[in-house]
Amino acid sequence: MIESLKKYEKFLKDNGVGKNDEVADSIKSYVSYLNGVSKHLKITIGTETLGSENDIRNLSRKLEGKVRPKTIQNYHL
């Protein structure tokens, strides 16, 4: 689950994510990736769990062995 989902989607849009999408919806992809992290780690995604680059590294380490390395790379994009 993503805390403040609408706020996150607005942040993505305000920062140009998806503005050139013709085939896929980038914003939905980002939301899907975060929902995957939330599901695999059984956490709520919010500023407490994902507020810095260090948090990204820590969550990536926790995902090792739970998902394929390529999936973890996708989460970073």
C-alpha atoms as a PDB file:
ATOM      1  CA  MET A   1       0.000   0.000   0.000  1.00  0.00           C
ATOM      2  CA  ILE A   2       1.165   3.502  -0.774  1.00  0.00           C
ATOM      3  CA  GLU A   3       0.458   6.213   1.735  1.00  0.00           C
ATOM      4  CA  SER A   4      -0.862   9.368   0.036  1.00  0.00           C
ATOM      5  CA  LEU A   5      -1.238   7.717  -3.382  1.00  0.00           C
ATOM      6  CA  LYS A   6      -2.879  10.716  -5.062  1.00  0.00           C
ATOM      7  CA  LYS A   7      -0.133  13.005  -3.748  1.00  0.00           C
ATOM      8  CA  TYR A   8       2.519  10.620  -5.128  1.00  0.00           C
ATOM      9  CA  GLU A   9       0.815  10.483  -8.536  1.00  0.00           C
ATOM     10  CA  LYS A  10       0.640  14.287  -8.616  1.00  0.00           C
ATOM     11  CA  PHE A  11       4.338  14.489  -7.698  1.00  0.00           C
ATOM     12  CA  LEU A  12       5.218  12.185 -10.596  1.00  0.00           C
ATOM     13  CA  LYS A  13       3.089  14.150 -13.052  1.00  0.00           C
ATOM     14  CA  ASP A  14       4.449  17.492 -11.829  1.00  0.00           C
ATOM     15  CA  ASN A  15       7.968  16.151 -12.432  1.00  0.00           C
ATOM     16  CA  GLY A  16       7.267  15.182 -16.028  1.00  0.00           C
ATOM     17  CA  VAL A  17       6.745  11.453 -15.599  1.00  0.00           C
ATOM     18  CA  GLY A  18       4.541  10.160 -18.376  1.00  0.00           C
ATOM     19  CA  LYS A  19       4.422  13.331 -20.423  1.00  0.00           C
ATOM     20  CA  ASN A  20       5.751  11.503 -23.493  1.00  0.00           C
ATOM     21  CA  ASP A  21       3.901   8.230 -22.937  1.00  0.00           C
ATOM     22  CA  GLU A  22       2.317   6.832 -26.068  1.00  0.00           C
ATOM     23  CA  VAL A  23       2.021   3.131 -25.315  1.00  0.00           C
ATOM     24  CA  ALA A  24       2.248   2.559 -21.562  1.00  0.00           C
ATOM     25  CA  ASP A  25       1.334   4.704 -18.577  1.00  0.00           C
ATOM     26  CA  SER A  26       4.565   5.435 -16.683  1.00  0.00           C
ATOM     27  CA  ILE A  27       2.766   6.713 -13.605  1.00  0.00           C
ATOM     28  CA  LYS A  28       0.832   3.443 -13.301  1.00  0.00           C
ATOM     29  CA  SER A  29       4.140   1.565 -13.692  1.00  0.00           C
ATOM     30  CA  TYR A  30       5.763   3.485 -10.830  1.00  0.00           C
ATOM     31  CA  VAL A  31       2.724   2.869  -8.636  1.00  0.00           C
ATOM     32  CA  SER A  32       2.798  -0.815  -9.556  1.00  0.00           C
ATOM     33  CA  TYR A  33       6.493  -1.082  -8.649  1.00  0.00           C
ATOM     34  CA  LEU A  34       5.914   0.498  -5.249  1.00  0.00           C
ATOM     35  CA  ASN A  35       2.907  -1.719  -4.603  1.00  0.00           C
ATOM     36  CA  GLY A  36       5.167  -4.695  -5.387  1.00  0.00           C
ATOM     37  CA  VAL A  37       7.735  -3.530  -2.849  1.00  0.00           C
ATOM     38  CA  SER A  38       4.973  -2.997  -0.299  1.00  0.00           C
ATOM     39  CA  LYS A  39       3.596  -6.491  -0.901  1.00  0.00           C
ATOM     40  CA  HIS A  40       6.943  -8.310  -0.811  1.00  0.00           C
ATOM     41  CA  LEU A  41       8.149  -6.543   2.336  1.00  0.00           C
ATOM     42  CA  LYS A  42       4.720  -6.255   3.981  1.00  0.00           C
ATOM     43  CA  ILE A  43       5.153  -2.525   4.588  1.00  0.00           C
ATOM     44  CA  THR A  44       3.291   0.666   3.788  1.00  0.00           C
ATOM     45  CA  ILE A  45       5.232   2.905   1.428  1.00  0.00           C
ATOM     46  CA  GLY A  46       5.433   6.454   2.734  1.00  0.00           C
ATOM     47  CA  THR A  47       7.890   9.073   3.876  1.00  0.00           C
ATOM     48  CA  GLU A  48       8.782   6.970   6.914  1.00  0.00           C
ATOM     49  CA  THR A  49       9.831   3.970   4.806  1.00  0.00           C
ATOM     50  CA  LEU A  50      10.944   5.604   1.557  1.00  0.00           C
ATOM     51  CA  GLY A  51      12.163   9.125   2.109  1.00  0.00           C
ATOM     52  CA  SER A  52      15.811   9.005   1.071  1.00  0.00           C
ATOM     53  CA  GLU A  53      18.390   7.309  -1.132  1.00  0.00           C
ATOM     54  CA  ASN A  54      19.520   5.368   1.934  1.00  0.00           C
ATOM     55  CA  ASP A  55      15.977   4.017   2.329  1.00  0.00           C
ATOM     56  CA  ILE A  56      16.071   2.835  -1.301  1.00  0.00           C
ATOM     57  CA  ARG A  57      19.320   0.939  -0.657  1.00  0.00           C
ATOM     58  CA  ASN A  58      17.939  -0.616   2.539  1.00  0.00           C
ATOM     59  CA  LEU A  59      14.704  -1.740   0.890  1.00  0.00           C
ATOM     60  CA  SER A  60      16.674  -3.150  -2.055  1.00  0.00           C
ATOM     61  CA  ARG A  61      18.760  -5.251   0.336  1.00  0.00           C
ATOM     62  CA  LYS A  62      15.614  -6.517   2.046  1.00  0.00           C
ATOM     63  CA  LEU A  63      14.190  -7.550  -1.335  1.00  0.00           C
ATOM     64  CA  GLU A  64      17.213  -9.718  -2.174  1.00  0.00           C
ATOM     65  CA  GLY A  65      16.118 -13.346  -2.289  1.00  0.00           C
ATOM     66  CA  LYS A  66      12.441 -12.368  -2.449  1.00  0.00           C
ATOM     67  CA  VAL A  67      12.429 -11.130  -6.056  1.00  0.00           C
ATOM     68  CA  ARG A  68      14.715 -11.469  -9.061  1.00  0.00           C
ATOM     69  CA  PRO A  69      17.687  -9.067  -9.234  1.00  0.00           C
ATOM     70  CA  LYS A  70      16.267  -7.597 -12.467  1.00  0.00           C
ATOM     71  CA  THR A  71      13.053  -6.740 -10.632  1.00  0.00           C
ATOM     72  CA  ILE A  72      15.032  -4.900  -7.956  1.00  0.00           C
ATOM     73  CA  GLN A  73      16.778  -2.933 -10.711  1.00  0.00           C
ATOM     74  CA  ASN A  74      13.377  -1.974 -12.134  1.00  0.00           C
ATOM     75  CA  TYR A  75      12.336  -0.642  -8.745  1.00  0.00           C
ATOM     76  CA  HIS A  76      15.261   1.803  -8.870  1.00  0.00           C
ATOM     77  CA  LEU A  77      14.152   3.390 -12.138  1.00  0.00           C
END
